Amino acid sequence: MQNDPYGDALLAEYNQVAHRPPLYLHTSYGDTDEMPVDIFLRSEEDFSELESIALALCDGHVLDVGAGAGSHSLHLQNKKFRVTGLEISGHATNIMHQRGVQDIVHADFFEHKNMRYDTLLFLMNGIGIAGTLSGFRTLLRHSKTLLSERGQLLFDTSDISYLYRDFDVEMPNHYFGEIKYQYEYKDRKGPEFPWLYIDQQTLINIANEEGWVVQILYENEEDQYLVRMEPRP
């Protein structure tokens, strides 16, 4: 049986199970945060400005990477886009199906092959699946194999240097945006997994080295920013 505390919490939230315990997120920098599970089941009126801009920029056949419960996929589907929701959590893919997402792929992004899309969409810091700066290079190279000739990447990420600057967190001996997370639900912890946040200059440097054109489209006061990228001709 798959150990998926995130999926278990999402399923309980979707089914409105009574007395739902919180979903916790343990971090490598020492904090344990309570995750608001309902954020994964939002509708269009609850999207942030950043999300709304990104969704408005989608084009052609969209791959919604890390689609979760399918909120962004449903929005695009309702706008008559051809959209595929890709998600690794089995519970999440089942919820997407129940919510009406028509095209769902239950898979790891890095194992998804032999398809072409016009937009790869990674919202809610979905680019974090890269895990490390090296993994980000791998993600960019794999993305090129999935993009059509007019293809684009749309994603948001954050500069989390403020954690070390403002909250007296000790700077690690590796790139500061390489984090490790672990979900916990009903006193059961899932596997630890790496997650990446990347500052703008580092992102631009790596993207240029990997042959991508970068546009920073939006920034908010929480150091979160929206990026559009396309392979350099």
Protein backbone atom coordinates (compact mmCIF):
# COMPACT_ATOMS: atom_id res chain seq x y z
CA MET A 1 0.00 0.00 0.00
CA GLN A 2 1.35 3.40 -1.00
CA ASN A 3 2.40 5.59 1.93
CA ASP A 4 0.76 8.86 0.90
CA PRO A 5 -0.19 11.10 3.86
CA TYR A 6 -0.84 14.02 1.47
CA GLY A 7 -3.25 11.93 -0.58
CA ASP A 8 -4.96 10.57 2.54
CA ALA A 9 -5.51 14.09 3.89
CA LEU A 10 -6.75 15.30 0.51
CA LEU A 11 -9.23 12.44 0.24
CA ALA A 12 -10.57 13.11 3.75
CA GLU A 13 -10.97 16.81 2.92
CA TYR A 14 -12.72 16.07 -0.38
CA ASN A 15 -15.14 13.66 1.33
CA GLN A 16 -15.61 16.05 4.27
CA VAL A 17 -14.80 13.32 6.78
CA ALA A 18 -15.73 14.35 10.32
CA HIS A 19 -12.96 15.25 12.78
CA ARG A 20 -10.22 15.45 10.17
CA PRO A 21 -6.76 15.72 11.78
CA PRO A 22 -4.32 18.29 10.37
CA LEU A 23 -1.77 17.56 7.68
CA TYR A 24 1.70 18.48 8.92
CA LEU A 25 4.77 19.33 6.86
CA HIS A 26 8.15 18.79 8.51
CA THR A 27 11.03 20.83 7.06
CA SER A 28 14.80 20.43 6.99
CA TYR A 29 15.20 23.94 8.38
CA GLY A 30 13.45 22.96 11.60
CA ASP A 31 9.84 24.13 11.30
CA THR A 32 6.75 21.96 11.31
CA ASP A 33 3.90 23.64 9.45
CA GLU A 34 0.22 22.77 9.35
CA MET A 35 -0.87 22.53 5.72
CA PRO A 36 -4.30 23.96 4.84
CA VAL A 37 -5.61 21.03 2.77
CA ASP A 38 -8.58 22.97 1.41
CA ILE A 39 -6.16 25.08 -0.67
CA PHE A 40 -5.88 22.13 -3.07
CA LEU A 41 -9.65 22.13 -3.68
CA ARG A 42 -10.13 25.78 -4.51
CA SER A 43 -12.28 27.18 -7.28
CA GLU A 44 -11.47 29.99 -9.69
CA GLU A 45 -12.59 32.82 -7.41
CA ASP A 46 -10.01 31.75 -4.84
CA PHE A 47 -7.01 31.78 -7.19
CA SER A 48 -4.26 34.27 -6.47
CA GLU A 49 -3.34 37.03 -8.90
CA LEU A 50 -0.21 35.09 -9.84
CA GLU A 51 -2.23 31.96 -10.63
CA SER A 52 -4.76 33.92 -12.65
CA ILE A 53 -2.00 35.49 -14.77
CA ALA A 54 -0.35 32.13 -15.37
CA LEU A 55 -3.63 30.45 -16.37
CA ALA A 56 -4.43 33.31 -18.75
CA LEU A 57 -1.08 32.75 -20.49
CA CYS A 58 -1.66 29.05 -21.13
CA ASP A 59 -1.74 28.06 -24.79
CA GLY A 60 -2.64 24.97 -26.78
CA HIS A 61 -2.43 21.55 -25.15
CA VAL A 62 -1.52 22.10 -21.48
CA LEU A 63 0.17 19.60 -19.17
CA ASP A 64 -0.77 20.55 -15.60
CA VAL A 65 2.18 19.07 -13.69
CA GLY A 66 1.48 18.11 -10.10
CA ALA A 67 -2.18 18.75 -10.73
CA GLY A 68 -3.24 17.70 -7.23
CA ALA A 69 -7.02 17.64 -6.97
CA GLY A 70 -7.31 19.27 -10.39
CA SER A 71 -8.37 22.85 -9.60
CA HIS A 72 -6.22 24.41 -12.33
CA SER A 73 -7.00 21.61 -14.80
CA LEU A 74 -10.73 22.10 -14.26
CA HIS A 75 -10.43 25.85 -14.79
CA LEU A 76 -8.61 25.35 -18.10
CA GLN A 77 -10.98 22.58 -19.15
CA ASN A 78 -13.93 24.89 -18.51
CA LYS A 79 -12.20 27.47 -20.73
CA LYS A 80 -12.19 24.85 -23.54
CA PHE A 81 -8.47 24.12 -23.36
CA ARG A 82 -7.14 20.68 -24.05
CA VAL A 83 -5.54 19.92 -20.68
CA THR A 84 -3.91 16.86 -19.16
CA GLY A 85 -3.60 16.63 -15.38
CA LEU A 86 -0.44 14.78 -14.34
CA GLU A 87 -0.21 13.66 -10.72
CA ILE A 88 1.82 11.07 -8.79
CA SER A 89 -0.63 10.63 -5.89
CA GLY A 90 -3.21 7.92 -6.55
CA HIS A 91 -5.78 9.48 -4.19
CA ALA A 92 -5.35 12.85 -5.92
CA THR A 93 -5.88 11.33 -9.37
CA ASN A 94 -9.06 9.64 -8.14
CA ILE A 95 -10.33 12.97 -6.80
CA MET A 96 -9.54 14.64 -10.13
CA HIS A 97 -11.61 12.00 -11.88
CA GLN A 98 -14.52 12.51 -9.49
CA ARG A 99 -14.33 16.29 -9.95
CA GLY A 100 -14.60 15.88 -13.73
CA VAL A 101 -11.07 16.23 -15.11
CA GLN A 102 -11.28 14.39 -18.40
CA ASP A 103 -7.63 13.61 -19.21
CA ILE A 104 -5.51 12.35 -16.29
CA VAL A 105 -2.06 10.76 -16.20
CA HIS A 106 -1.02 9.00 -12.98
CA ALA A 107 2.76 9.24 -13.24
CA ASP A 108 6.02 10.85 -12.17
CA PHE A 109 6.80 13.84 -14.41
CA PHE A 110 10.31 12.58 -15.11
CA GLU A 111 8.91 9.24 -16.33
CA HIS A 112 6.31 10.84 -18.62
CA LYS A 113 7.45 10.48 -22.24
CA ASN A 114 6.43 10.28 -25.89
CA MET A 115 3.98 13.19 -25.77
CA ARG A 116 4.08 16.81 -26.90
CA TYR A 117 2.48 19.81 -25.20
CA ASP A 118 2.33 23.52 -25.95
CA THR A 119 2.40 24.54 -22.27
CA LEU A 120 3.96 22.83 -19.26
CA LEU A 121 2.30 24.36 -16.20
CA PHE A 122 3.87 24.03 -12.74
CA LEU A 123 1.81 26.08 -10.28
CA MET A 124 1.97 26.24 -6.46
CA ASN A 125 5.76 25.97 -6.78
CA GLY A 126 5.38 22.78 -8.78
CA ILE A 127 8.87 23.31 -10.16
CA GLY A 128 10.01 22.26 -6.70
CA ILE A 129 9.88 18.63 -7.85
CA ALA A 130 13.34 19.28 -9.31
CA GLY A 131 14.61 18.96 -5.74
CA THR A 132 18.07 20.42 -6.36
CA LEU A 133 19.81 22.78 -8.77
CA SER A 134 21.13 19.75 -10.62
CA GLY A 135 17.60 18.38 -10.71
CA PHE A 136 16.40 21.68 -12.16
CA ARG A 137 18.76 21.19 -15.09
CA THR A 138 17.36 17.68 -15.52
CA LEU A 139 13.81 19.06 -15.42
CA LEU A 140 14.62 21.63 -18.11
CA ARG A 141 16.20 19.00 -20.36
CA HIS A 142 13.25 16.63 -19.92
CA SER A 143 10.81 19.49 -20.56
CA LYS A 144 12.36 20.06 -23.97
CA THR A 145 11.42 16.49 -24.94
CA LEU A 146 7.78 17.20 -24.06
CA LEU A 147 7.34 20.58 -25.73
CA SER A 148 6.01 21.36 -29.18
CA GLU A 149 7.90 23.77 -31.42
CA ARG A 150 5.94 26.69 -29.93
CA GLY A 151 6.06 25.31 -26.40
CA GLN A 152 6.49 27.19 -23.14
CA LEU A 153 7.03 26.58 -19.43
CA LEU A 154 4.95 28.55 -16.90
CA PHE A 155 5.79 28.25 -13.22
CA ASP A 156 6.14 30.09 -9.96
CA THR A 157 8.85 29.77 -7.33
CA SER A 158 10.23 31.82 -4.45
CA ASP A 159 13.47 33.28 -3.17
CA ILE A 160 13.56 31.87 0.37
CA SER A 161 16.77 33.62 1.47
CA TYR A 162 14.54 35.59 3.86
CA LEU A 163 14.29 32.46 6.04
CA TYR A 164 17.98 32.69 6.84
CA ARG A 165 18.03 36.48 6.96
CA ASP A 166 14.95 37.17 9.07
CA PHE A 167 14.32 34.07 11.18
CA ASP A 168 17.78 33.15 12.43
CA VAL A 169 17.83 29.89 10.49
CA GLU A 170 21.34 28.53 9.99
CA MET A 171 22.50 28.71 6.37
CA PRO A 172 23.09 25.17 5.00
CA ASN A 173 26.33 24.08 3.34
CA HIS A 174 24.49 23.55 0.04
CA TYR A 175 22.31 25.86 -2.07
CA PHE A 176 19.88 27.47 0.39
CA GLY A 177 16.79 26.75 -1.72
CA GLU A 178 17.31 22.98 -1.60
CA ILE A 179 14.89 21.86 1.12
CA LYS A 180 13.76 18.49 2.42
CA TYR A 181 10.12 17.97 3.37
CA GLN A 182 8.10 15.21 4.99
CA TYR A 183 4.31 14.97 5.30
CA GLU A 184 2.61 13.61 8.42
CA TYR A 185 -1.06 12.68 8.74
CA LYS A 186 -2.75 10.72 11.53
CA ASP A 187 0.64 10.26 13.25
CA ARG A 188 2.00 8.56 10.14
CA LYS A 189 4.92 10.10 8.29
CA GLY A 190 5.49 9.72 4.58
CA PRO A 191 8.90 9.46 2.91
CA GLU A 192 11.19 12.47 3.06
CA PHE A 193 11.50 14.22 -0.29
CA PRO A 194 13.64 17.05 -1.70
CA TRP A 195 12.06 20.31 -2.85
CA LEU A 196 13.57 23.29 -4.65
CA TYR A 197 13.03 27.03 -4.34
CA ILE A 198 15.23 29.13 -6.57
CA ASP A 199 16.18 32.80 -6.60
CA GLN A 200 15.84 34.79 -9.80
CA GLN A 201 19.51 35.24 -10.66
CA THR A 202 20.36 31.58 -10.13
CA LEU A 203 17.35 30.58 -12.23
CA ILE A 204 18.32 32.92 -15.05
CA ASN A 205 21.93 31.71 -15.03
CA ILE A 206 20.96 28.03 -15.23
CA ALA A 207 18.25 28.64 -17.82
CA ASN A 208 20.65 30.54 -20.06
CA GLU A 209 23.24 27.76 -19.77
CA GLU A 210 20.56 25.18 -20.68
CA GLY A 211 19.36 27.13 -23.72
CA TRP A 212 16.17 28.83 -22.49
CA VAL A 213 14.79 32.36 -22.81
CA VAL A 214 13.43 33.65 -19.48
CA GLN A 215 10.75 36.23 -18.68
CA ILE A 216 9.91 37.24 -15.11
CA LEU A 217 6.23 38.17 -15.40
CA TYR A 218 5.07 38.93 -11.88
CA GLU A 219 6.45 39.32 -8.35
CA ASN A 220 4.65 39.69 -5.04
CA GLU A 221 5.68 40.94 -1.62
CA GLU A 222 6.43 37.39 -0.38
CA ASP A 223 9.36 37.02 -2.84
CA GLN A 224 7.24 34.70 -4.99
CA TYR A 225 7.51 35.24 -8.73
CA LEU A 226 6.03 33.92 -11.97
CA VAL A 227 8.25 32.79 -14.83
CA ARG A 228 7.66 32.08 -18.50
CA MET A 229 10.40 30.21 -20.36
CA GLU A 230 10.81 28.88 -23.88
CA PRO A 231 13.70 27.04 -25.54
CA ARG A 232 16.09 29.34 -27.33
CA PRO A 233 15.73 29.03 -31.13
